[in-house]
Amino acid sequence: MIPTVVNERSVRSFRFYRDGYLCEGICYGNTLYRLVKTFGKHEEDSAYSCCGQLLQYSSADHPAAIITTSPQQYRLWAELRVELPSDAAVALQYA
């Protein structure tokens, strides 16, 4: 599955509490996503690689992850309804 890449200006952002932490979220195409990881502009390959790992949890209706881009960074977002297995979460921490 090819990652969905969206300009950061075209999404609506919000903040929410989850497990006692203040988290960042976005709404894109009637789907809510949570911030998983931020990558510098020179880390494009890492952003796409991590997104590919998350896309294996996608359904046919919508992607489990998307990437937003701005002049400074890439940001990886996971759909709020998708629970990441602990091994995927650990792998993303060290990506």
PDB file of N, CA and C in Angstrom:
ATOM      1  N   MET A   1       0.847  -1.181   0.000  1.00  0.00           N
ATOM      2  CA  MET A   1       0.000   0.000   0.000  1.00  0.00           C
ATOM      3  C   MET A   1       0.893   1.246   0.000  1.00  0.00           C
ATOM      4  N   ILE A   2       0.543   2.208  -0.820  1.00  0.00           N
ATOM      5  CA  ILE A   2       1.311   3.445  -0.943  1.00  0.00           C
ATOM      6  C   ILE A   2       0.862   4.423   0.143  1.00  0.00           C
ATOM      7  N   PRO A   3       1.818   5.028   0.866  1.00  0.00           N
ATOM      8  CA  PRO A   3       1.446   5.976   1.922  1.00  0.00           C
ATOM      9  C   PRO A   3       0.703   7.193   1.373  1.00  0.00           C
ATOM     10  N   THR A   4      -0.274   7.650   2.128  1.00  0.00           N
ATOM     11  CA  THR A   4      -0.957   8.895   1.814  1.00  0.00           C
ATOM     12  C   THR A   4      -0.117  10.027   2.369  1.00  0.00           C
ATOM     13  N   VAL A   5       0.235  10.988   1.518  1.00  0.00           N
ATOM     14  CA  VAL A   5       1.035  12.143   1.929  1.00  0.00           C
ATOM     15  C   VAL A   5       0.201  13.390   1.717  1.00  0.00           C
ATOM     16  N   VAL A   6       0.083  14.194   2.774  1.00  0.00           N
ATOM     17  CA  VAL A   6      -0.806  15.340   2.779  1.00  0.00           C
ATOM     18  C   VAL A   6      -0.034  16.563   3.255  1.00  0.00           C
ATOM     19  N   ASN A   7      -0.303  17.694   2.639  1.00  0.00           N
ATOM     20  CA  ASN A   7       0.291  18.937   3.121  1.00  0.00           C
ATOM     21  C   ASN A   7      -0.288  19.248   4.496  1.00  0.00           C
ATOM     22  N   GLU A   8       0.579  19.612   5.420  1.00  0.00           N
ATOM     23  CA  GLU A   8       0.164  19.863   6.805  1.00  0.00           C
ATOM     24  C   GLU A   8      -0.908  20.950   6.913  1.00  0.00           C
ATOM     25  N   ARG A   9      -0.926  21.872   5.971  1.00  0.00           N
ATOM     26  CA  ARG A   9      -1.922  22.951   6.011  1.00  0.00           C
ATOM     27  C   ARG A   9      -3.323  22.479   5.639  1.00  0.00           C
ATOM     28  N   SER A  10      -3.444  21.296   5.082  1.00  0.00           N
ATOM     29  CA  SER A  10      -4.759  20.833   4.630  1.00  0.00           C
ATOM     30  C   SER A  10      -5.465  19.925   5.637  1.00  0.00           C
ATOM     31  N   VAL A  11      -4.934  19.814   6.843  1.00  0.00           N
ATOM     32  CA  VAL A  11      -5.577  19.006   7.875  1.00  0.00           C
ATOM     33  C   VAL A  11      -5.989  19.903   9.040  1.00  0.00           C
ATOM     34  N   ARG A  12      -6.967  19.461   9.792  1.00  0.00           N
ATOM     35  CA  ARG A  12      -7.390  20.187  10.993  1.00  0.00           C
ATOM     36  C   ARG A  12      -6.730  19.529  12.195  1.00  0.00           C
ATOM     37  N   SER A  13      -6.072  20.319  13.010  1.00  0.00           N
ATOM     38  CA  SER A  13      -5.388  19.758  14.171  1.00  0.00           C
ATOM     39  C   SER A  13      -6.191  19.980  15.446  1.00  0.00           C
ATOM     40  N   PHE A  14      -5.934  19.145  16.429  1.00  0.00           N
ATOM     41  CA  PHE A  14      -6.570  19.255  17.738  1.00  0.00           C
ATOM     42  C   PHE A  14      -5.674  18.564  18.761  1.00  0.00           C
ATOM     43  N   ARG A  15      -5.989  18.744  20.006  1.00  0.00           N
ATOM     44  CA  ARG A  15      -5.273  18.071  21.097  1.00  0.00           C
ATOM     45  C   ARG A  15      -6.284  17.289  21.915  1.00  0.00           C
ATOM     46  N   PHE A  16      -5.817  16.175  22.487  1.00  0.00           N
ATOM     47  CA  PHE A  16      -6.703  15.333  23.285  1.00  0.00           C
ATOM     48  C   PHE A  16      -5.891  14.602  24.347  1.00  0.00           C
ATOM     49  N   TYR A  17      -6.592  14.122  25.370  1.00  0.00           N
ATOM     50  CA  TYR A  17      -5.943  13.331  26.422  1.00  0.00           C
ATOM     51  C   TYR A  17      -6.111  11.857  26.119  1.00  0.00           C
ATOM     52  N   ARG A  18      -5.024  11.110  26.302  1.00  0.00           N
ATOM     53  CA  ARG A  18      -5.061   9.658  26.134  1.00  0.00           C
ATOM     54  C   ARG A  18      -4.091   9.055  27.135  1.00  0.00           C
ATOM     55  N   ASP A  19      -4.591   8.175  27.944  1.00  0.00           N
ATOM     56  CA  ASP A  19      -3.773   7.506  28.957  1.00  0.00           C
ATOM     57  C   ASP A  19      -3.022   8.500  29.834  1.00  0.00           C
ATOM     58  N   GLY A  20      -3.659   9.620  30.145  1.00  0.00           N
ATOM     59  CA  GLY A  20      -3.064  10.613  31.026  1.00  0.00           C
ATOM     60  C   GLY A  20      -2.083  11.562  30.359  1.00  0.00           C
ATOM     61  N   TYR A  21      -1.940  11.509  29.040  1.00  0.00           N
ATOM     62  CA  TYR A  21      -1.009  12.375  28.305  1.00  0.00           C
ATOM     63  C   TYR A  21      -1.771  13.264  27.331  1.00  0.00           C
ATOM     64  N   LEU A  22      -1.286  14.475  27.166  1.00  0.00           N
ATOM     65  CA  LEU A  22      -1.833  15.371  26.158  1.00  0.00           C
ATOM     66  C   LEU A  22      -1.204  15.003  24.817  1.00  0.00           C
ATOM     67  N   CYS A  23      -2.022  14.675  23.851  1.00  0.00           N
ATOM     68  CA  CYS A  23      -1.547  14.200  22.548  1.00  0.00           C
ATOM     69  C   CYS A  23      -1.994  15.151  21.444  1.00  0.00           C
ATOM     70  N   GLU A  24      -1.288  15.090  20.322  1.00  0.00           N
ATOM     71  CA  GLU A  24      -1.668  15.854  19.138  1.00  0.00           C
ATOM     72  C   GLU A  24      -2.440  14.956  18.185  1.00  0.00           C
ATOM     73  N   GLY A  25      -3.451  15.526  17.559  1.00  0.00           N
ATOM     74  CA  GLY A  25      -4.241  14.776  16.603  1.00  0.00           C
ATOM     75  C   GLY A  25      -4.598  15.635  15.406  1.00  0.00           C
ATOM     76  N   ILE A  26      -5.024  14.971  14.348  1.00  0.00           N
ATOM     77  CA  ILE A  26      -5.508  15.663  13.150  1.00  0.00           C
ATOM     78  C   ILE A  26      -6.760  14.954  12.647  1.00  0.00           C
ATOM     79  N   CYS A  27      -7.533  15.694  11.899  1.00  0.00           N
ATOM     80  CA  CYS A  27      -8.674  15.128  11.190  1.00  0.00           C
ATOM     81  C   CYS A  27      -8.381  15.275   9.702  1.00  0.00           C
ATOM     82  N   TYR A  28      -8.452  14.166   8.997  1.00  0.00           N
ATOM     83  CA  TYR A  28      -8.243  14.184   7.554  1.00  0.00           C
ATOM     84  C   TYR A  28      -9.229  13.203   6.927  1.00  0.00           C
ATOM     85  N   GLY A  29     -10.047  13.708   6.041  1.00  0.00           N
ATOM     86  CA  GLY A  29     -11.006  12.852   5.343  1.00  0.00           C
ATOM     87  C   GLY A  29     -11.964  12.120   6.273  1.00  0.00           C
ATOM     88  N   ASN A  30     -12.491  12.796   7.276  1.00  0.00           N
ATOM     89  CA  ASN A  30     -13.432  12.220   8.243  1.00  0.00           C
ATOM     90  C   ASN A  30     -12.823  11.121   9.114  1.00  0.00           C
ATOM     91  N   THR A  31     -11.505  11.063   9.188  1.00  0.00           N
ATOM     92  CA  THR A  31     -10.818  10.095  10.032  1.00  0.00           C
ATOM     93  C   THR A  31      -9.908  10.853  10.993  1.00  0.00           C
ATOM     94  N   LEU A  32      -9.856  10.388  12.227  1.00  0.00           N
ATOM     95  CA  LEU A  32      -9.005  11.008  13.237  1.00  0.00           C
ATOM     96  C   LEU A  32      -7.711  10.228  13.384  1.00  0.00           C
ATOM     97  N   TYR A  33      -6.599  10.974  13.470  1.00  0.00           N
ATOM     98  CA  TYR A  33      -5.273  10.377  13.599  1.00  0.00           C
ATOM     99  C   TYR A  33      -4.546  10.983  14.785  1.00  0.00           C
ATOM    100  N   ARG A  34      -3.628  10.216  15.371  1.00  0.00           N
ATOM    101  CA  ARG A  34      -2.783  10.713  16.463  1.00  0.00           C
ATOM    102  C   ARG A  34      -1.341  10.760  15.987  1.00  0.00           C
ATOM    103  N   LEU A  35      -0.583  11.713  16.505  1.00  0.00           N
ATOM    104  CA  LEU A  35       0.820  11.848  16.128  1.00  0.00           C
ATOM    105  C   LEU A  35       1.620  10.681  16.689  1.00  0.00           C
ATOM    106  N   VAL A  36       2.397  10.050  15.817  1.00  0.00           N
ATOM    107  CA  VAL A  36       3.240   8.940  16.228  1.00  0.00           C
ATOM    108  C   VAL A  36       4.695   9.383  16.318  1.00  0.00           C
ATOM    109  N   LYS A  37       5.152  10.100  15.304  1.00  0.00           N
ATOM    110  CA  LYS A  37       6.564  10.478  15.262  1.00  0.00           C
ATOM    111  C   LYS A  37       6.760  11.648  14.310  1.00  0.00           C
ATOM    112  N   THR A  38       7.731  12.500  14.633  1.00  0.00           N
ATOM    113  CA  THR A  38       8.101  13.626  13.781  1.00  0.00           C
ATOM    114  C   THR A  38       9.496  13.374  13.233  1.00  0.00           C
ATOM    115  N   PHE A  39       9.668  13.642  11.949  1.00  0.00           N
ATOM    116  CA  PHE A  39      10.948  13.448  11.264  1.00  0.00           C
ATOM    117  C   PHE A  39      11.408  14.774  10.682  1.00  0.00           C
ATOM    118  N   GLY A  40      12.700  15.004  10.673  1.00  0.00           N
ATOM    119  CA  GLY A  40      13.248  16.184  10.030  1.00  0.00           C
ATOM    120  C   GLY A  40      13.101  16.077   8.521  1.00  0.00           C
ATOM    121  N   LYS A  41      13.270  17.183   7.835  1.00  0.00           N
ATOM    122  CA  LYS A  41      13.104  17.199   6.381  1.00  0.00           C
ATOM    123  C   LYS A  41      14.080  16.254   5.678  1.00  0.00           C
ATOM    124  N   HIS A  42      15.233  16.022   6.264  1.00  0.00           N
ATOM    125  CA  HIS A  42      16.230  15.127   5.660  1.00  0.00           C
ATOM    126  C   HIS A  42      15.955  13.649   5.965  1.00  0.00           C
ATOM    127  N   GLU A  43      14.893  13.357   6.729  1.00  0.00           N
ATOM    128  CA  GLU A  43      14.572  11.983   7.112  1.00  0.00           C
ATOM    129  C   GLU A  43      13.362  11.421   6.361  1.00  0.00           C
ATOM    130  N   GLU A  44      13.210  11.833   5.134  1.00  0.00           N
ATOM    131  CA  GLU A  44      12.060  11.405   4.335  1.00  0.00           C
ATOM    132  C   GLU A  44      11.976   9.885   4.216  1.00  0.00           C
ATOM    133  N   ASP A  45      13.098   9.229   3.963  1.00  0.00           N
ATOM    134  CA  ASP A  45      13.094   7.768   3.817  1.00  0.00           C
ATOM    135  C   ASP A  45      12.625   7.072   5.088  1.00  0.00           C
ATOM    136  N   SER A  46      13.060   7.563   6.234  1.00  0.00           N
ATOM    137  CA  SER A  46      12.634   6.975   7.510  1.00  0.00           C
ATOM    138  C   SER A  46      11.142   7.152   7.729  1.00  0.00           C
ATOM    139  N   ALA A  47      10.619   8.314   7.373  1.00  0.00           N
ATOM    140  CA  ALA A  47       9.185   8.569   7.526  1.00  0.00           C
ATOM    141  C   ALA A  47       8.372   7.596   6.676  1.00  0.00           C
ATOM    142  N   TYR A  48       8.782   7.396   5.434  1.00  0.00           N
ATOM    143  CA  TYR A  48       8.070   6.478   4.552  1.00  0.00           C
ATOM    144  C   TYR A  48       8.194   5.039   5.028  1.00  0.00           C
ATOM    145  N   SER A  49       9.358   4.672   5.529  1.00  0.00           N
ATOM    146  CA  SER A  49       9.572   3.315   6.025  1.00  0.00           C
ATOM    147  C   SER A  49       8.681   3.029   7.228  1.00  0.00           C
ATOM    148  N   CYS A  50       8.631   3.949   8.164  1.00  0.00           N
ATOM    149  CA  CYS A  50       7.784   3.772   9.345  1.00  0.00           C
ATOM    150  C   CYS A  50       6.315   3.749   8.969  1.00  0.00           C
ATOM    151  N   CYS A  51       5.925   4.578   8.036  1.00  0.00           N
ATOM    152  CA  CYS A  51       4.539   4.586   7.583  1.00  0.00           C
ATOM    153  C   CYS A  51       4.189   3.234   6.964  1.00  0.00           C
ATOM    154  N   GLY A  52       5.111   2.680   6.212  1.00  0.00           N
ATOM    155  CA  GLY A  52       4.886   1.360   5.618  1.00  0.00           C
ATOM    156  C   GLY A  52       4.640   0.300   6.674  1.00  0.00           C
ATOM    157  N   GLN A  53       5.345   0.382   7.796  1.00  0.00           N
ATOM    158  CA  GLN A  53       5.128  -0.572   8.892  1.00  0.00           C
ATOM    159  C   GLN A  53       3.710  -0.459   9.441  1.00  0.00           C
ATOM    160  N   LEU A  54       3.230   0.776   9.583  1.00  0.00           N
ATOM    161  CA  LEU A  54       1.894   0.982  10.135  1.00  0.00           C
ATOM    162  C   LEU A  54       0.792   0.623   9.142  1.00  0.00           C
ATOM    163  N   LEU A  55       1.075   0.748   7.863  1.00  0.00           N
ATOM    164  CA  LEU A  55       0.047   0.489   6.859  1.00  0.00           C
ATOM    165  C   LEU A  55      -0.382  -0.975   6.817  1.00  0.00           C
ATOM    166  N   GLN A  56       0.409  -1.857   7.388  1.00  0.00           N
ATOM    167  CA  GLN A  56      -0.002  -3.259   7.417  1.00  0.00           C
ATOM    168  C   GLN A  56      -1.239  -3.470   8.298  1.00  0.00           C
ATOM    169  N   TYR A  57      -1.585  -2.470   9.115  1.00  0.00           N
ATOM    170  CA  TYR A  57      -2.778  -2.539   9.966  1.00  0.00           C
ATOM    171  C   TYR A  57      -3.974  -1.838   9.319  1.00  0.00           C
ATOM    172  N   SER A  58      -3.860  -1.483   8.047  1.00  0.00           N
ATOM    173  CA  SER A  58      -4.925  -0.764   7.338  1.00  0.00           C
ATOM    174  C   SER A  58      -6.061  -1.689   6.951  1.00  0.00           C
ATOM    175  N   SER A  59      -7.220  -1.087   6.789  1.00  0.00           N
ATOM    176  CA  SER A  59      -8.359  -1.806   6.217  1.00  0.00           C
ATOM    177  C   SER A  59      -8.525  -1.333   4.780  1.00  0.00           C
ATOM    178  N   ALA A  60      -9.430  -1.945   4.082  1.00  0.00           N
ATOM    179  CA  ALA A  60      -9.671  -1.553   2.690  1.00  0.00           C
ATOM    180  C   ALA A  60     -10.295  -0.167   2.598  1.00  0.00           C
ATOM    181  N   ASP A  61     -10.998   0.258   3.648  1.00  0.00           N
ATOM    182  CA  ASP A  61     -11.715   1.527   3.625  1.00  0.00           C
ATOM    183  C   ASP A  61     -10.824   2.750   3.810  1.00  0.00           C
ATOM    184  N   HIS A  62      -9.822   2.626   4.647  1.00  0.00           N
ATOM    185  CA  HIS A  62      -8.989   3.787   4.942  1.00  0.00           C
ATOM    186  C   HIS A  62      -7.629   3.342   5.484  1.00  0.00           C
ATOM    187  N   PRO A  63      -6.624   4.188   5.293  1.00  0.00           N
ATOM    188  CA  PRO A  63      -5.280   3.825   5.755  1.00  0.00           C
ATOM    189  C   PRO A  63      -5.162   3.944   7.274  1.00  0.00           C
ATOM    190  N   ALA A  64      -4.322   3.104   7.859  1.00  0.00           N
ATOM    191  CA  ALA A  64      -4.070   3.151   9.296  1.00  0.00           C
ATOM    192  C   ALA A  64      -3.079   4.251   9.640  1.00  0.00           C
ATOM    193  N   ALA A  65      -2.414   4.804   8.625  1.00  0.00           N
ATOM    194  CA  ALA A  65      -1.417   5.841   8.869  1.00  0.00           C
ATOM    195  C   ALA A  65      -1.306   6.756   7.657  1.00  0.00           C
ATOM    196  N   ILE A  66      -0.950   8.010   7.933  1.00  0.00           N
ATOM    197  CA  ILE A  66      -0.669   8.962   6.866  1.00  0.00           C
ATOM    198  C   ILE A  66       0.555   9.783   7.267  1.00  0.00           C
ATOM    199  N   ILE A  67       1.097  10.481   6.290  1.00  0.00           N
ATOM    200  CA  ILE A  67       2.233  11.371   6.520  1.00  0.00           C
ATOM    201  C   ILE A  67       1.784  12.782   6.149  1.00  0.00           C
ATOM    202  N   THR A  68       2.095  13.736   7.021  1.00  0.00           N
ATOM    203  CA  THR A  68       1.912  15.138   6.648  1.00  0.00           C
ATOM    204  C   THR A  68       3.294  15.734   6.432  1.00  0.00           C
ATOM    205  N   THR A  69       3.338  16.699   5.558  1.00  0.00           N
ATOM    206  CA  THR A  69       4.619  17.320   5.226  1.00  0.00           C
ATOM    207  C   THR A  69       4.501  18.839   5.297  1.00  0.00           C
ATOM    208  N   SER A  70       5.599  19.452   5.685  1.00  0.00           N
ATOM    209  CA  SER A  70       5.718  20.912   5.715  1.00  0.00           C
ATOM    210  C   SER A  70       7.142  21.228   5.267  1.00  0.00           C
ATOM    211  N   PRO A  71       7.482  22.487   5.089  1.00  0.00           N
ATOM    212  CA  PRO A  71       8.855  22.806   4.684  1.00  0.00           C
ATOM    213  C   PRO A  71       9.916  22.356   5.697  1.00  0.00           C
ATOM    214  N   GLN A  72       9.527  22.167   6.964  1.00  0.00           N
ATOM    215  CA  GLN A  72      10.498  21.812   7.991  1.00  0.00           C
ATOM    216  C   GLN A  72      10.522  20.334   8.359  1.00  0.00           C
ATOM    217  N   GLN A  73       9.425  19.595   8.131  1.00  0.00           N
ATOM    218  CA  GLN A  73       9.348  18.255   8.704  1.00  0.00           C
ATOM    219  C   GLN A  73       8.354  17.348   8.006  1.00  0.00           C
ATOM    220  N   TYR A  74       8.459  16.068   8.360  1.00  0.00           N
ATOM    221  CA  TYR A  74       7.460  15.054   8.030  1.00  0.00           C
ATOM    222  C   TYR A  74       6.892  14.574   9.361  1.00  0.00           C
ATOM    223  N   ARG A  75       5.588  14.333   9.395  1.00  0.00           N
ATOM    224  CA  ARG A  75       4.973  13.822  10.614  1.00  0.00           C
ATOM    225  C   ARG A  75       4.155  12.582  10.266  1.00  0.00           C
ATOM    226  N   LEU A  76       4.327  11.555  11.079  1.00  0.00           N
ATOM    227  CA  LEU A  76       3.638  10.288  10.889  1.00  0.00           C
ATOM    228  C   LEU A  76       2.466  10.216  11.860  1.00  0.00           C
ATOM    229  N   TRP A  77       1.297   9.892  11.327  1.00  0.00           N
ATOM    230  CA  TRP A  77       0.058   9.862  12.110  1.00  0.00           C
ATOM    231  C   TRP A  77      -0.577   8.489  11.978  1.00  0.00           C
ATOM    232  N   ALA A  78      -1.070   7.944  13.094  1.00  0.00           N
ATOM    233  CA  ALA A  78      -1.773   6.658  13.089  1.00  0.00           C
ATOM    234  C   ALA A  78      -3.247   6.899  13.401  1.00  0.00           C
ATOM    235  N   GLU A  79      -4.098   6.146  12.756  1.00  0.00           N
ATOM    236  CA  GLU A  79      -5.531   6.282  12.995  1.00  0.00           C
ATOM    237  C   GLU A  79      -5.834   5.975  14.459  1.00  0.00           C
ATOM    238  N   LEU A  80      -6.720   6.768  15.052  1.00  0.00           N
ATOM    239  CA  LEU A  80      -7.035   6.597  16.470  1.00  0.00           C
ATOM    240  C   LEU A  80      -7.652   5.241  16.788  1.00  0.00           C
ATOM    241  N   ARG A  81      -8.401   4.668  15.867  1.00  0.00           N
ATOM    242  CA  ARG A  81      -9.056   3.380  16.129  1.00  0.00           C
ATOM    243  C   ARG A  81      -8.111   2.198  16.047  1.00  0.00           C
ATOM    244  N   VAL A  82      -6.899   2.399  15.539  1.00  0.00           N
ATOM    245  CA  VAL A  82      -5.949   1.300  15.379  1.00  0.00           C
ATOM    246  C   VAL A  82      -5.046   1.232  16.602  1.00  0.00           C
ATOM    247  N   GLU A  83      -5.065   0.102  17.273  1.00  0.00           N
ATOM    248  CA  GLU A  83      -4.158  -0.118  18.400  1.00  0.00           C
ATOM    249  C   GLU A  83      -2.881  -0.746  17.852  1.00  0.00           C
ATOM    250  N   LEU A  84      -1.770  -0.065  18.090  1.00  0.00           N
ATOM    251  CA  LEU A  84      -0.504  -0.583  17.602  1.00  0.00           C
ATOM    252  C   LEU A  84       0.008  -1.674  18.537  1.00  0.00           C
ATOM    253  N   PRO A  85       0.448  -2.801  17.982  1.00  0.00           N
ATOM    254  CA  PRO A  85       1.060  -3.816  18.824  1.00  0.00           C
ATOM    255  C   PRO A  85       2.325  -3.259  19.468  1.00  0.00           C
ATOM    256  N   SER A  86       2.702  -3.767  20.603  1.00  0.00           N
ATOM    257  CA  SER A  86       3.845  -3.224  21.331  1.00  0.00           C
ATOM    258  C   SER A  86       5.135  -3.307  20.513  1.00  0.00           C
ATOM    259  N   ASP A  87       5.306  -4.351  19.694  1.00  0.00           N
ATOM    260  CA  ASP A  87       6.530  -4.447  18.896  1.00  0.00           C
ATOM    261  C   ASP A  87       6.591  -3.354  17.835  1.00  0.00           C
ATOM    262  N   ALA A  88       5.443  -2.962  17.282  1.00  0.00           N
ATOM    263  CA  ALA A  88       5.425  -1.873  16.298  1.00  0.00           C
ATOM    264  C   ALA A  88       5.745  -0.557  16.982  1.00  0.00           C
ATOM    265  N   ALA A  89       5.189  -0.330  18.148  1.00  0.00           N
ATOM    266  CA  ALA A  89       5.447   0.915  18.889  1.00  0.00           C
ATOM    267  C   ALA A  89       6.927   1.023  19.260  1.00  0.00           C
ATOM    268  N   VAL A  90       7.522  -0.073  19.696  1.00  0.00           N
ATOM    269  CA  VAL A  90       8.949  -0.056  20.049  1.00  0.00           C
ATOM    270  C   VAL A  90       9.802   0.192  18.816  1.00  0.00           C
ATOM    271  N   ALA A  91       9.472  -0.434  17.695  1.00  0.00           N
ATOM    272  CA  ALA A  91      10.240  -0.242  16.460  1.00  0.00           C
ATOM    273  C   ALA A  91      10.194   1.210  16.013  1.00  0.00           C
ATOM    274  N   LEU A  92       9.043   1.859  16.170  1.00  0.00           N
ATOM    275  CA  LEU A  92       8.913   3.250  15.760  1.00  0.00           C
ATOM    276  C   LEU A  92       9.708   4.193  16.661  1.00  0.00           C
ATOM    277  N   GLN A  93       9.870   3.841  17.916  1.00  0.00           N
ATOM    278  CA  GLN A  93      10.642   4.682  18.823  1.00  0.00           C
ATOM    279  C   GLN A  93      12.077   4.805  18.366  1.00  0.00           C
ATOM    280  N   TYR A  94      12.618   3.755  17.808  1.00  0.00           N
ATOM    281  CA  TYR A  94      14.031   3.741  17.451  1.00  0.00           C
ATOM    282  C   TYR A  94      14.283   3.967  15.964  1.00  0.00           C
ATOM    283  N   ALA A  95      13.234   4.303  15.227  1.00  0.00           N
ATOM    284  CA  ALA A  95      13.389   4.548  13.784  1.00  0.00           C
ATOM    285  C   ALA A  95      14.042   5.896  13.542  1.00  0.00           C
TER     286      ALA A  95
END
